[in-house]
Amino acid sequence: MKEYVIQLEVAGPTAMWTRPDTGDSPVSYPLPTYSATKGLFESVVRIETVEIVPTKVEICAPVVFHNYATNYGGPLRKSAIMPNGSYQLLATVLINVCYRLYAEIRPARFNRSLSEKARIQASKGLNALHACQGMFNRRLEKGQWHNTPCLGWREFVPDYMGPFRDETRIQEDINLCFPSFLFSVFTPAGERQPIYTPDAQVKNGRLIYAE
């Protein structure tokens, strides 16, 4: 079966790929998780009958951590704090990030009701994988988004997201090991079911996402 591969480069001043084991003073992973990478690809295009499956990430800038403070007023506050409004959230984020991301487009792995538009396209024999690849590449080139991309937290938007740039270089001196690395938070059907990858390895600046 033919493979439909897509890729993008993303960079920005600040990123936060939250490690769940760091509690209420969150610390970022040095690189995006599988689900965060999937979200970046899907911010460009979504088609109901296909699934975008991230395969690899390459770190293309030095890993630099930075202390960050913000006022948090969301639903995860403790009940005793809520009547008093927001509180200051301290986090350890990344600055001046750059990544190259890779993914494959595959048939959707789960059954769900399709919209009328998707049913009409399927009835015409449309190759949804090829269509998604073409649409993704066109939209990425033009800087058109399905929704606003972000580098983890919504307030951290990229200052570049597009095709690979010739001057970008992989940080091949970076080698890391994570005893437990967050793979995804939700199932393809949208149910909350966190999955972790044991002993995830970054070798020569590259991490292969396990499936």
N, C-alpha and C. Protein backbone atom coordinates (compact mmCIF):
# COMPACT_ATOMS: atom_id res chain seq x y z
N MET A 1 0.84 -1.20 0.00
CA MET A 1 0.00 0.00 0.00
C MET A 1 0.88 1.25 0.00
N LYS A 2 0.52 2.20 -0.84
CA LYS A 2 1.30 3.43 -0.93
C LYS A 2 1.24 4.20 0.38
N GLU A 3 2.38 4.76 0.78
CA GLU A 3 2.42 5.59 1.99
C GLU A 3 2.21 7.05 1.62
N TYR A 4 1.41 7.73 2.42
CA TYR A 4 1.16 9.15 2.23
C TYR A 4 1.80 9.90 3.40
N VAL A 5 2.96 10.48 3.12
CA VAL A 5 3.78 11.11 4.16
C VAL A 5 3.64 12.63 4.08
N ILE A 6 3.55 13.27 5.24
CA ILE A 6 3.54 14.73 5.32
C ILE A 6 4.56 15.16 6.36
N GLN A 7 4.99 16.41 6.27
CA GLN A 7 6.00 16.93 7.20
C GLN A 7 5.86 18.43 7.30
N LEU A 8 6.34 18.97 8.41
CA LEU A 8 6.33 20.42 8.59
C LEU A 8 7.46 20.81 9.53
N GLU A 9 7.80 22.08 9.48
CA GLU A 9 8.74 22.67 10.43
C GLU A 9 7.99 23.71 11.24
N VAL A 10 8.24 23.74 12.55
CA VAL A 10 7.57 24.70 13.41
C VAL A 10 8.58 25.30 14.38
N ALA A 11 8.45 26.59 14.63
CA ALA A 11 9.37 27.29 15.53
C ALA A 11 8.61 28.39 16.25
N GLY A 12 9.11 28.77 17.42
CA GLY A 12 8.46 29.84 18.16
C GLY A 12 9.26 30.26 19.37
N PRO A 13 8.88 31.39 19.97
CA PRO A 13 9.63 31.92 21.12
C PRO A 13 9.43 31.13 22.40
N THR A 14 8.26 30.48 22.56
CA THR A 14 7.96 29.78 23.81
C THR A 14 7.13 28.54 23.51
N ALA A 15 7.39 27.46 24.25
CA ALA A 15 6.63 26.22 24.10
C ALA A 15 6.47 25.56 25.46
N MET A 16 5.40 24.77 25.60
CA MET A 16 5.16 24.04 26.84
C MET A 16 4.54 22.68 26.51
N TRP A 17 5.36 21.64 26.56
CA TRP A 17 4.90 20.27 26.35
C TRP A 17 4.85 19.61 27.73
N THR A 18 3.76 19.78 28.43
CA THR A 18 3.69 19.50 29.86
C THR A 18 3.95 18.04 30.21
N ARG A 19 4.85 17.83 31.18
CA ARG A 19 5.07 16.51 31.76
C ARG A 19 4.04 16.30 32.86
N PRO A 20 3.17 15.28 32.75
CA PRO A 20 2.12 15.08 33.76
C PRO A 20 2.66 14.79 35.15
N ASP A 21 3.90 14.30 35.25
CA ASP A 21 4.45 13.93 36.55
C ASP A 21 5.05 15.11 37.31
N THR A 22 4.89 16.34 36.79
CA THR A 22 5.51 17.50 37.44
C THR A 22 4.52 18.32 38.26
N GLY A 23 3.28 17.85 38.38
CA GLY A 23 2.34 18.45 39.33
C GLY A 23 1.87 19.85 38.99
N ASP A 24 1.63 20.66 40.07
CA ASP A 24 1.02 21.97 39.86
C ASP A 24 2.04 23.07 39.55
N SER A 25 3.31 22.71 39.44
CA SER A 25 4.32 23.62 38.89
C SER A 25 4.91 22.93 37.67
N PRO A 26 4.16 22.89 36.58
CA PRO A 26 4.50 22.02 35.46
C PRO A 26 5.83 22.35 34.80
N VAL A 27 6.46 21.30 34.30
CA VAL A 27 7.72 21.40 33.58
C VAL A 27 7.52 20.81 32.19
N SER A 28 8.13 21.40 31.19
CA SER A 28 7.97 20.94 29.82
C SER A 28 8.92 19.79 29.49
N TYR A 29 8.43 18.86 28.66
CA TYR A 29 9.34 17.96 27.97
C TYR A 29 10.21 18.79 27.02
N PRO A 30 11.37 18.29 26.59
CA PRO A 30 12.19 19.05 25.64
C PRO A 30 11.63 19.06 24.22
N LEU A 31 10.64 18.21 23.96
CA LEU A 31 10.09 18.10 22.61
C LEU A 31 8.63 17.69 22.69
N PRO A 32 7.86 17.91 21.64
CA PRO A 32 6.42 17.63 21.71
C PRO A 32 6.11 16.15 21.80
N THR A 33 5.06 15.83 22.53
CA THR A 33 4.56 14.46 22.61
C THR A 33 3.86 14.09 21.30
N TYR A 34 3.52 12.82 21.18
CA TYR A 34 2.78 12.33 20.01
C TYR A 34 1.50 13.13 19.82
N SER A 35 0.73 13.28 20.90
CA SER A 35 -0.57 13.96 20.77
C SER A 35 -0.40 15.44 20.44
N ALA A 36 0.64 16.09 20.97
CA ALA A 36 0.89 17.50 20.64
C ALA A 36 1.28 17.65 19.17
N THR A 37 2.10 16.72 18.68
CA THR A 37 2.48 16.75 17.27
C THR A 37 1.27 16.50 16.37
N LYS A 38 0.43 15.57 16.77
CA LYS A 38 -0.80 15.29 16.02
C LYS A 38 -1.68 16.54 15.95
N GLY A 39 -1.76 17.27 17.07
CA GLY A 39 -2.55 18.50 17.10
C GLY A 39 -2.02 19.55 16.15
N LEU A 40 -0.69 19.65 16.02
CA LEU A 40 -0.10 20.62 15.08
C LEU A 40 -0.45 20.26 13.64
N PHE A 41 -0.34 18.99 13.29
CA PHE A 41 -0.71 18.58 11.93
C PHE A 41 -2.20 18.84 11.67
N GLU A 42 -3.04 18.51 12.65
CA GLU A 42 -4.48 18.67 12.46
C GLU A 42 -4.92 20.12 12.51
N SER A 43 -4.05 21.01 12.97
CA SER A 43 -4.38 22.43 12.89
C SER A 43 -4.32 22.94 11.45
N VAL A 44 -3.70 22.15 10.57
CA VAL A 44 -3.63 22.51 9.14
C VAL A 44 -4.82 21.94 8.39
N VAL A 45 -5.11 20.66 8.59
CA VAL A 45 -6.21 20.04 7.85
C VAL A 45 -6.78 18.86 8.64
N ARG A 46 -8.08 18.65 8.49
CA ARG A 46 -8.75 17.48 9.06
C ARG A 46 -9.73 16.94 8.03
N ILE A 47 -9.70 15.63 7.84
CA ILE A 47 -10.66 14.94 6.99
C ILE A 47 -11.19 13.76 7.78
N GLU A 48 -12.50 13.60 7.82
CA GLU A 48 -13.12 12.64 8.74
C GLU A 48 -12.70 11.19 8.50
N THR A 49 -12.43 10.84 7.26
CA THR A 49 -12.19 9.43 6.94
C THR A 49 -10.72 9.03 7.01
N VAL A 50 -9.86 9.95 7.42
CA VAL A 50 -8.44 9.62 7.55
C VAL A 50 -7.94 10.00 8.93
N GLU A 51 -6.78 9.45 9.27
CA GLU A 51 -6.13 9.78 10.54
C GLU A 51 -4.68 10.17 10.26
N ILE A 52 -4.25 11.26 10.87
CA ILE A 52 -2.85 11.69 10.76
C ILE A 52 -2.08 11.06 11.92
N VAL A 53 -1.07 10.26 11.59
CA VAL A 53 -0.31 9.49 12.58
C VAL A 53 1.12 10.01 12.63
N PRO A 54 1.50 10.77 13.66
CA PRO A 54 2.89 11.24 13.78
C PRO A 54 3.87 10.08 13.88
N THR A 55 5.01 10.22 13.23
CA THR A 55 6.01 9.15 13.23
C THR A 55 7.34 9.55 13.84
N LYS A 56 7.72 10.83 13.71
CA LYS A 56 9.06 11.24 14.16
C LYS A 56 9.10 12.74 14.42
N VAL A 57 9.96 13.13 15.36
CA VAL A 57 10.24 14.54 15.62
C VAL A 57 11.75 14.73 15.67
N GLU A 58 12.22 15.85 15.14
CA GLU A 58 13.63 16.20 15.18
C GLU A 58 13.79 17.55 15.87
N ILE A 59 14.69 17.61 16.85
CA ILE A 59 14.96 18.85 17.57
C ILE A 59 15.94 19.67 16.75
N CYS A 60 15.55 20.91 16.43
CA CYS A 60 16.37 21.73 15.53
C CYS A 60 16.82 23.04 16.16
N ALA A 61 16.82 23.10 17.49
CA ALA A 61 17.34 24.25 18.23
C ALA A 61 17.80 23.75 19.59
N PRO A 62 18.77 24.41 20.22
CA PRO A 62 19.20 24.00 21.56
C PRO A 62 18.02 23.99 22.53
N VAL A 63 18.02 23.04 23.44
CA VAL A 63 16.97 22.95 24.46
C VAL A 63 17.29 23.92 25.59
N VAL A 64 16.46 24.95 25.74
CA VAL A 64 16.68 25.98 26.75
C VAL A 64 15.41 26.13 27.58
N PHE A 65 15.51 25.85 28.89
CA PHE A 65 14.37 26.00 29.79
C PHE A 65 14.35 27.41 30.38
N HIS A 66 13.13 27.85 30.76
CA HIS A 66 12.95 29.22 31.25
C HIS A 66 11.79 29.23 32.24
N ASN A 67 11.95 29.98 33.33
CA ASN A 67 10.88 30.12 34.31
C ASN A 67 9.79 31.04 33.76
N TYR A 68 8.53 30.65 34.00
CA TYR A 68 7.39 31.38 33.44
C TYR A 68 6.29 31.44 34.50
N ALA A 69 5.66 32.59 34.63
CA ALA A 69 4.56 32.76 35.59
C ALA A 69 3.35 33.34 34.86
N THR A 70 2.17 32.82 35.20
CA THR A 70 0.93 33.32 34.61
C THR A 70 -0.18 33.21 35.64
N ASN A 71 -1.23 33.97 35.46
CA ASN A 71 -2.40 33.89 36.33
C ASN A 71 -3.37 32.85 35.78
N TYR A 72 -3.69 31.86 36.61
CA TYR A 72 -4.56 30.76 36.17
C TYR A 72 -5.92 30.87 36.85
N GLY A 73 -6.98 30.84 36.04
CA GLY A 73 -8.33 30.90 36.58
C GLY A 73 -9.21 29.81 36.04
N GLY A 74 -8.61 28.69 35.66
CA GLY A 74 -9.34 27.61 35.01
C GLY A 74 -10.00 26.64 35.97
N PRO A 75 -10.60 25.57 35.43
CA PRO A 75 -11.39 24.62 36.23
C PRO A 75 -10.58 23.69 37.11
N LEU A 76 -9.25 23.66 36.96
CA LEU A 76 -8.43 22.75 37.75
C LEU A 76 -7.99 23.33 39.09
N ARG A 77 -8.48 24.55 39.39
CA ARG A 77 -8.17 25.13 40.70
C ARG A 77 -8.84 24.32 41.81
N LYS A 78 -8.23 24.30 42.99
CA LYS A 78 -8.85 23.65 44.13
C LYS A 78 -10.10 24.43 44.53
N SER A 79 -11.08 23.72 45.07
CA SER A 79 -12.36 24.34 45.40
C SER A 79 -12.22 25.48 46.40
N ALA A 80 -11.23 25.39 47.30
CA ALA A 80 -11.05 26.46 48.30
C ALA A 80 -10.52 27.74 47.67
N ILE A 81 -9.86 27.61 46.51
CA ILE A 81 -9.27 28.77 45.85
C ILE A 81 -10.26 29.47 44.93
N MET A 82 -11.21 28.72 44.36
CA MET A 82 -12.10 29.27 43.34
C MET A 82 -12.82 30.55 43.74
N PRO A 83 -13.35 30.66 44.98
CA PRO A 83 -14.04 31.92 45.33
C PRO A 83 -13.13 33.14 45.31
N ASN A 84 -11.82 32.93 45.40
CA ASN A 84 -10.87 34.05 45.44
C ASN A 84 -10.33 34.44 44.06
N GLY A 85 -10.85 33.79 43.02
CA GLY A 85 -10.41 34.14 41.67
C GLY A 85 -9.19 33.33 41.24
N SER A 86 -8.37 33.91 40.38
CA SER A 86 -7.23 33.20 39.82
C SER A 86 -6.05 33.18 40.80
N TYR A 87 -5.06 32.36 40.50
CA TYR A 87 -3.84 32.33 41.30
C TYR A 87 -2.65 32.25 40.36
N GLN A 88 -1.48 32.52 40.89
CA GLN A 88 -0.28 32.53 40.05
C GLN A 88 0.23 31.11 39.84
N LEU A 89 0.39 30.75 38.57
CA LEU A 89 0.90 29.44 38.21
C LEU A 89 2.34 29.59 37.74
N LEU A 90 3.24 28.85 38.37
CA LEU A 90 4.66 28.87 38.00
C LEU A 90 4.96 27.64 37.15
N ALA A 91 5.65 27.84 36.05
CA ALA A 91 5.95 26.75 35.14
C ALA A 91 7.38 26.89 34.61
N THR A 92 7.89 25.78 34.11
CA THR A 92 9.19 25.77 33.43
C THR A 92 8.95 25.44 31.97
N VAL A 93 9.14 26.42 31.11
CA VAL A 93 8.82 26.29 29.69
C VAL A 93 10.11 26.23 28.87
N LEU A 94 9.96 26.08 27.57
CA LEU A 94 11.08 26.13 26.64
C LEU A 94 11.05 27.45 25.89
N ILE A 95 12.21 27.96 25.52
CA ILE A 95 12.26 29.17 24.71
C ILE A 95 13.08 28.92 23.44
N ASN A 96 12.69 29.67 22.40
CA ASN A 96 13.39 29.64 21.11
C ASN A 96 13.48 28.22 20.55
N VAL A 97 12.31 27.61 20.37
CA VAL A 97 12.26 26.22 19.93
C VAL A 97 12.14 26.12 18.41
N CYS A 98 12.55 24.97 17.89
CA CYS A 98 12.37 24.67 16.47
C CYS A 98 12.37 23.15 16.32
N TYR A 99 11.40 22.63 15.58
CA TYR A 99 11.28 21.19 15.37
C TYR A 99 10.92 20.90 13.91
N ARG A 100 11.33 19.74 13.45
CA ARG A 100 10.80 19.17 12.22
C ARG A 100 9.96 17.96 12.59
N LEU A 101 8.74 17.93 12.08
CA LEU A 101 7.78 16.89 12.43
C LEU A 101 7.39 16.09 11.20
N TYR A 102 7.18 14.79 11.40
CA TYR A 102 6.83 13.88 10.31
C TYR A 102 5.59 13.08 10.70
N ALA A 103 4.77 12.74 9.70
CA ALA A 103 3.57 11.95 9.96
C ALA A 103 3.16 11.19 8.70
N GLU A 104 2.32 10.17 8.90
CA GLU A 104 1.71 9.44 7.80
C GLU A 104 0.20 9.64 7.85
N ILE A 105 -0.42 9.64 6.68
CA ILE A 105 -1.88 9.73 6.59
C ILE A 105 -2.40 8.32 6.34
N ARG A 106 -3.29 7.85 7.21
CA ARG A 106 -3.80 6.48 7.13
C ARG A 106 -5.32 6.50 7.22
N PRO A 107 -5.98 5.42 6.79
CA PRO A 107 -7.43 5.35 6.97
C PRO A 107 -7.80 5.42 8.44
N ALA A 108 -8.90 6.06 8.75
CA ALA A 108 -9.34 6.17 10.14
C ALA A 108 -9.53 4.79 10.74
N ARG A 109 -9.07 4.60 11.99
CA ARG A 109 -9.08 3.28 12.62
C ARG A 109 -10.31 3.02 13.47
N PHE A 110 -11.25 3.93 13.48
CA PHE A 110 -12.42 3.77 14.35
C PHE A 110 -13.67 4.11 13.57
N ASN A 111 -14.78 3.55 14.03
CA ASN A 111 -16.05 3.77 13.35
C ASN A 111 -16.83 4.89 14.03
N ARG A 112 -17.33 5.79 13.23
CA ARG A 112 -18.19 6.84 13.75
C ARG A 112 -19.06 7.33 12.60
N SER A 113 -20.14 8.00 12.92
CA SER A 113 -21.03 8.51 11.89
C SER A 113 -20.35 9.65 11.14
N LEU A 114 -20.46 9.63 9.81
CA LEU A 114 -19.83 10.64 8.98
C LEU A 114 -20.82 11.75 8.65
N SER A 115 -20.29 12.92 8.39
CA SER A 115 -21.13 14.03 7.94
C SER A 115 -21.63 13.73 6.53
N GLU A 116 -22.63 14.46 6.10
CA GLU A 116 -23.18 14.26 4.76
C GLU A 116 -22.12 14.51 3.69
N LYS A 117 -21.29 15.54 3.90
CA LYS A 117 -20.23 15.85 2.94
C LYS A 117 -19.26 14.70 2.80
N ALA A 118 -18.87 14.10 3.93
CA ALA A 118 -17.93 12.98 3.90
C ALA A 118 -18.55 11.76 3.21
N ARG A 119 -19.83 11.52 3.44
CA ARG A 119 -20.50 10.39 2.79
C ARG A 119 -20.56 10.57 1.28
N ILE A 120 -20.83 11.81 0.84
CA ILE A 120 -20.89 12.09 -0.60
C ILE A 120 -19.52 11.86 -1.24
N GLN A 121 -18.47 12.35 -0.57
CA GLN A 121 -17.12 12.17 -1.11
C GLN A 121 -16.74 10.70 -1.18
N ALA A 122 -17.11 9.94 -0.13
CA ALA A 122 -16.80 8.51 -0.11
C ALA A 122 -17.55 7.78 -1.22
N SER A 123 -18.79 8.18 -1.48
CA SER A 123 -19.60 7.52 -2.51
C SER A 123 -19.04 7.76 -3.91
N LYS A 124 -18.26 8.82 -4.09
CA LYS A 124 -17.66 9.13 -5.39
C LYS A 124 -16.33 8.41 -5.60
N GLY A 125 -15.92 7.64 -4.60
CA GLY A 125 -14.67 6.91 -4.72
C GLY A 125 -13.44 7.78 -4.54
N LEU A 126 -13.58 8.90 -3.83
CA LEU A 126 -12.46 9.81 -3.61
C LEU A 126 -11.37 9.12 -2.79
N ASN A 127 -10.13 9.24 -3.23
CA ASN A 127 -8.98 8.75 -2.45
C ASN A 127 -8.70 9.77 -1.36
N ALA A 128 -9.25 9.52 -0.18
CA ALA A 128 -9.16 10.50 0.90
C ALA A 128 -7.72 10.72 1.37
N LEU A 129 -6.88 9.68 1.29
CA LEU A 129 -5.49 9.81 1.73
C LEU A 129 -4.73 10.76 0.81
N HIS A 130 -4.89 10.56 -0.49
CA HIS A 130 -4.24 11.44 -1.47
C HIS A 130 -4.77 12.86 -1.35
N ALA A 131 -6.10 12.99 -1.19
CA ALA A 131 -6.71 14.31 -1.07
C ALA A 131 -6.21 15.06 0.16
N CYS A 132 -6.08 14.34 1.27
CA CYS A 132 -5.61 14.96 2.51
C CYS A 132 -4.16 15.41 2.36
N GLN A 133 -3.33 14.59 1.74
CA GLN A 133 -1.93 14.96 1.54
C GLN A 133 -1.81 16.21 0.69
N GLY A 134 -2.55 16.26 -0.42
CA GLY A 134 -2.51 17.43 -1.29
C GLY A 134 -3.02 18.68 -0.61
N MET A 135 -4.13 18.54 0.12
CA MET A 135 -4.69 19.69 0.82
C MET A 135 -3.75 20.19 1.90
N PHE A 136 -3.13 19.26 2.62
CA PHE A 136 -2.19 19.64 3.67
C PHE A 136 -1.04 20.45 3.09
N ASN A 137 -0.43 19.95 2.03
CA ASN A 137 0.73 20.63 1.45
C ASN A 137 0.37 22.01 0.91
N ARG A 138 -0.79 22.13 0.29
CA ARG A 138 -1.21 23.43 -0.23
C ARG A 138 -1.46 24.43 0.89
N ARG A 139 -2.17 23.98 1.91
CA ARG A 139 -2.50 24.88 3.02
C ARG A 139 -1.26 25.28 3.81
N LEU A 140 -0.34 24.34 4.01
CA LEU A 140 0.89 24.64 4.74
C LEU A 140 1.71 25.68 3.98
N GLU A 141 1.80 25.52 2.68
CA GLU A 141 2.57 26.45 1.85
C GLU A 141 1.99 27.86 1.91
N LYS A 142 0.65 27.96 2.00
CA LYS A 142 -0.02 29.26 2.00
C LYS A 142 -0.20 29.84 3.40
N GLY A 143 0.10 29.04 4.44
CA GLY A 143 -0.12 29.51 5.81
C GLY A 143 -1.58 29.57 6.18
N GLN A 144 -2.37 28.60 5.68
CA GLN A 144 -3.80 28.53 6.01
C GLN A 144 -4.01 27.44 7.05
N TRP A 145 -4.85 27.74 8.07
CA TRP A 145 -5.03 26.81 9.18
C TRP A 145 -6.50 26.41 9.34
N HIS A 146 -6.70 25.18 9.77
CA HIS A 146 -8.03 24.72 10.19
C HIS A 146 -8.39 25.37 11.52
N ASN A 147 -7.42 25.45 12.41
CA ASN A 147 -7.53 26.23 13.65
C ASN A 147 -6.12 26.73 14.00
N THR A 148 -6.04 27.71 14.89
CA THR A 148 -4.75 28.34 15.20
C THR A 148 -3.80 27.33 15.85
N PRO A 149 -2.63 27.09 15.27
CA PRO A 149 -1.67 26.17 15.88
C PRO A 149 -1.07 26.76 17.15
N CYS A 150 -0.67 25.90 18.07
CA CYS A 150 -0.03 26.37 19.30
C CYS A 150 1.07 25.39 19.69
N LEU A 151 2.01 25.91 20.47
CA LEU A 151 3.15 25.12 20.94
C LEU A 151 2.86 24.63 22.36
N GLY A 152 1.89 23.75 22.47
CA GLY A 152 1.48 23.23 23.77
C GLY A 152 0.34 24.03 24.35
N TRP A 153 0.65 25.06 25.13
CA TRP A 153 -0.38 25.94 25.66
C TRP A 153 -0.89 26.87 24.57
N ARG A 154 -2.17 27.21 24.66
CA ARG A 154 -2.82 28.01 23.61
C ARG A 154 -2.17 29.38 23.42
N GLU A 155 -1.62 29.95 24.48
CA GLU A 155 -1.03 31.29 24.35
C GLU A 155 0.32 31.27 23.66
N PHE A 156 0.89 30.09 23.47
CA PHE A 156 2.20 29.98 22.83
C PHE A 156 2.03 29.62 21.35
N VAL A 157 1.95 30.63 20.51
CA VAL A 157 1.75 30.39 19.08
C VAL A 157 3.10 30.43 18.35
N PRO A 158 3.26 29.67 17.30
CA PRO A 158 4.53 29.67 16.57
C PRO A 158 4.73 30.95 15.78
N ASP A 159 5.98 31.33 15.58
CA ASP A 159 6.28 32.44 14.67
C ASP A 159 6.67 31.94 13.29
N TYR A 160 6.81 30.61 13.16
CA TYR A 160 6.96 30.00 11.84
C TYR A 160 6.35 28.61 11.89
N MET A 161 5.52 28.30 10.90
CA MET A 161 5.05 26.93 10.69
C MET A 161 4.83 26.78 9.20
N GLY A 162 5.60 25.90 8.58
CA GLY A 162 5.52 25.76 7.14
C GLY A 162 6.43 24.66 6.65
N PRO A 163 6.78 24.68 5.37
CA PRO A 163 7.69 23.68 4.82
C PRO A 163 9.08 23.78 5.45
N PHE A 164 9.86 22.72 5.31
CA PHE A 164 11.23 22.71 5.82
C PHE A 164 12.02 23.87 5.22
N ARG A 165 12.85 24.50 6.05
CA ARG A 165 13.73 25.58 5.60
C ARG A 165 15.15 25.03 5.43
N ASP A 166 15.82 25.49 4.38
CA ASP A 166 17.14 24.96 4.04
C ASP A 166 18.17 25.19 5.14
N GLU A 167 18.04 26.30 5.87
CA GLU A 167 19.05 26.65 6.87
C GLU A 167 18.88 25.91 8.20
N THR A 168 17.78 25.21 8.38
CA THR A 168 17.52 24.51 9.64
C THR A 168 18.41 23.28 9.76
N ARG A 169 18.96 23.07 10.96
CA ARG A 169 19.84 21.94 11.21
C ARG A 169 19.36 21.16 12.44
N ILE A 170 19.47 19.85 12.37
CA ILE A 170 19.10 19.00 13.50
C ILE A 170 20.19 19.08 14.56
N GLN A 171 19.78 19.15 15.83
CA GLN A 171 20.73 19.19 16.95
C GLN A 171 21.17 17.75 17.27
N GLU A 172 22.15 17.26 16.51
CA GLU A 172 22.53 15.86 16.62
C GLU A 172 23.33 15.53 17.88
N ASP A 173 23.67 16.55 18.66
CA ASP A 173 24.38 16.30 19.91
C ASP A 173 23.43 16.03 21.07
N ILE A 174 22.12 16.06 20.82
CA ILE A 174 21.14 15.84 21.89
C ILE A 174 20.76 14.37 21.95
N ASN A 175 21.02 13.75 23.09
CA ASN A 175 20.64 12.36 23.35
C ASN A 175 19.99 12.30 24.73
N LEU A 176 18.76 11.82 24.79
CA LEU A 176 17.99 11.82 26.03
C LEU A 176 17.26 10.50 26.18
N CYS A 177 16.93 10.17 27.44
CA CYS A 177 16.12 8.99 27.74
C CYS A 177 15.05 9.38 28.75
N PHE A 178 13.80 9.02 28.46
CA PHE A 178 12.69 9.28 29.37
C PHE A 178 12.15 7.95 29.87
N PRO A 179 12.24 7.67 31.18
CA PRO A 179 11.69 6.42 31.71
C PRO A 179 10.21 6.24 31.38
N SER A 180 9.48 7.37 31.34
CA SER A 180 8.06 7.33 30.98
C SER A 180 7.74 8.61 30.21
N PHE A 181 7.33 8.46 28.94
CA PHE A 181 7.08 9.61 28.07
C PHE A 181 5.62 9.57 27.63
N LEU A 182 4.90 10.65 27.88
CA LEU A 182 3.48 10.70 27.49
C LEU A 182 3.34 10.51 25.99
N PHE A 183 2.56 9.52 25.59
CA PHE A 183 2.32 9.26 24.17
C PHE A 183 1.07 9.99 23.70
N SER A 184 -0.06 9.71 24.33
CA SER A 184 -1.30 10.38 23.96
C SER A 184 -2.23 10.43 25.16
N VAL A 185 -3.17 11.36 25.13
CA VAL A 185 -4.13 11.54 26.22
C VAL A 185 -5.47 10.92 25.88
N PHE A 186 -5.86 11.00 24.60
CA PHE A 186 -7.17 10.53 24.17
C PHE A 186 -7.04 9.43 23.12
N THR A 187 -8.03 8.53 23.07
CA THR A 187 -8.11 7.53 22.02
C THR A 187 -8.55 8.20 20.72
N PRO A 188 -8.39 7.52 19.56
CA PRO A 188 -8.88 8.10 18.31
C PRO A 188 -10.36 8.45 18.34
N ALA A 189 -11.13 7.77 19.19
CA ALA A 189 -12.56 8.05 19.30
C ALA A 189 -12.85 9.22 20.23
N GLY A 190 -11.81 9.78 20.86
CA GLY A 190 -12.00 10.95 21.71
C GLY A 190 -12.18 10.66 23.19
N GLU A 191 -11.98 9.41 23.61
CA GLU A 191 -12.12 9.05 25.02
C GLU A 191 -10.80 9.30 25.75
N ARG A 192 -10.90 9.83 26.98
CA ARG A 192 -9.69 10.11 27.75
C ARG A 192 -9.07 8.80 28.24
N GLN A 193 -7.87 8.51 27.79
CA GLN A 193 -7.17 7.28 28.16
C GLN A 193 -5.67 7.49 27.97
N PRO A 194 -5.01 8.13 28.94
CA PRO A 194 -3.57 8.44 28.79
C PRO A 194 -2.73 7.18 28.57
N ILE A 195 -1.81 7.27 27.63
CA ILE A 195 -0.89 6.18 27.32
C ILE A 195 0.54 6.72 27.40
N TYR A 196 1.43 5.94 28.02
CA TYR A 196 2.82 6.35 28.18
C TYR A 196 3.74 5.36 27.46
N THR A 197 4.83 5.88 26.92
CA THR A 197 5.85 5.05 26.29
C THR A 197 7.02 4.88 27.26
N PRO A 198 7.34 3.65 27.67
CA PRO A 198 8.48 3.46 28.58
C PRO A 198 9.80 3.57 27.83
N ASP A 199 10.79 4.15 28.50
CA ASP A 199 12.16 4.22 27.97
C ASP A 199 12.22 4.82 26.56
N ALA A 200 11.55 5.95 26.38
CA ALA A 200 11.61 6.65 25.10
C ALA A 200 12.99 7.26 24.91
N GLN A 201 13.54 7.13 23.71
CA GLN A 201 14.92 7.54 23.45
C GLN A 201 14.98 8.65 22.39
N VAL A 202 15.69 9.72 22.72
CA VAL A 202 16.06 10.73 21.73
C VAL A 202 17.51 10.44 21.35
N LYS A 203 17.73 10.08 20.09
CA LYS A 203 19.07 9.74 19.61
C LYS A 203 19.47 10.70 18.49
N ASN A 204 20.58 11.38 18.71
CA ASN A 204 21.08 12.34 17.71
C ASN A 204 20.01 13.36 17.33
N GLY A 205 19.26 13.80 18.35
CA GLY A 205 18.26 14.84 18.14
C GLY A 205 16.94 14.35 17.59
N ARG A 206 16.76 13.03 17.44
CA ARG A 206 15.55 12.49 16.84
C ARG A 206 14.84 11.54 17.79
N LEU A 207 13.51 11.60 17.79
CA LEU A 207 12.70 10.65 18.55
C LEU A 207 11.69 10.02 17.60
N ILE A 208 11.65 8.69 17.60
CA ILE A 208 10.66 7.95 16.82
C ILE A 208 9.48 7.67 17.74
N TYR A 209 8.28 8.10 17.34
CA TYR A 209 7.10 7.84 18.16
C TYR A 209 6.72 6.37 18.04
N ALA A 210 6.60 5.69 19.18
CA ALA A 210 6.16 4.29 19.18
C ALA A 210 4.65 4.25 18.98
N GLU A 211 4.18 3.12 18.47
CA GLU A 211 2.74 2.93 18.30
C GLU A 211 2.29 1.74 19.12
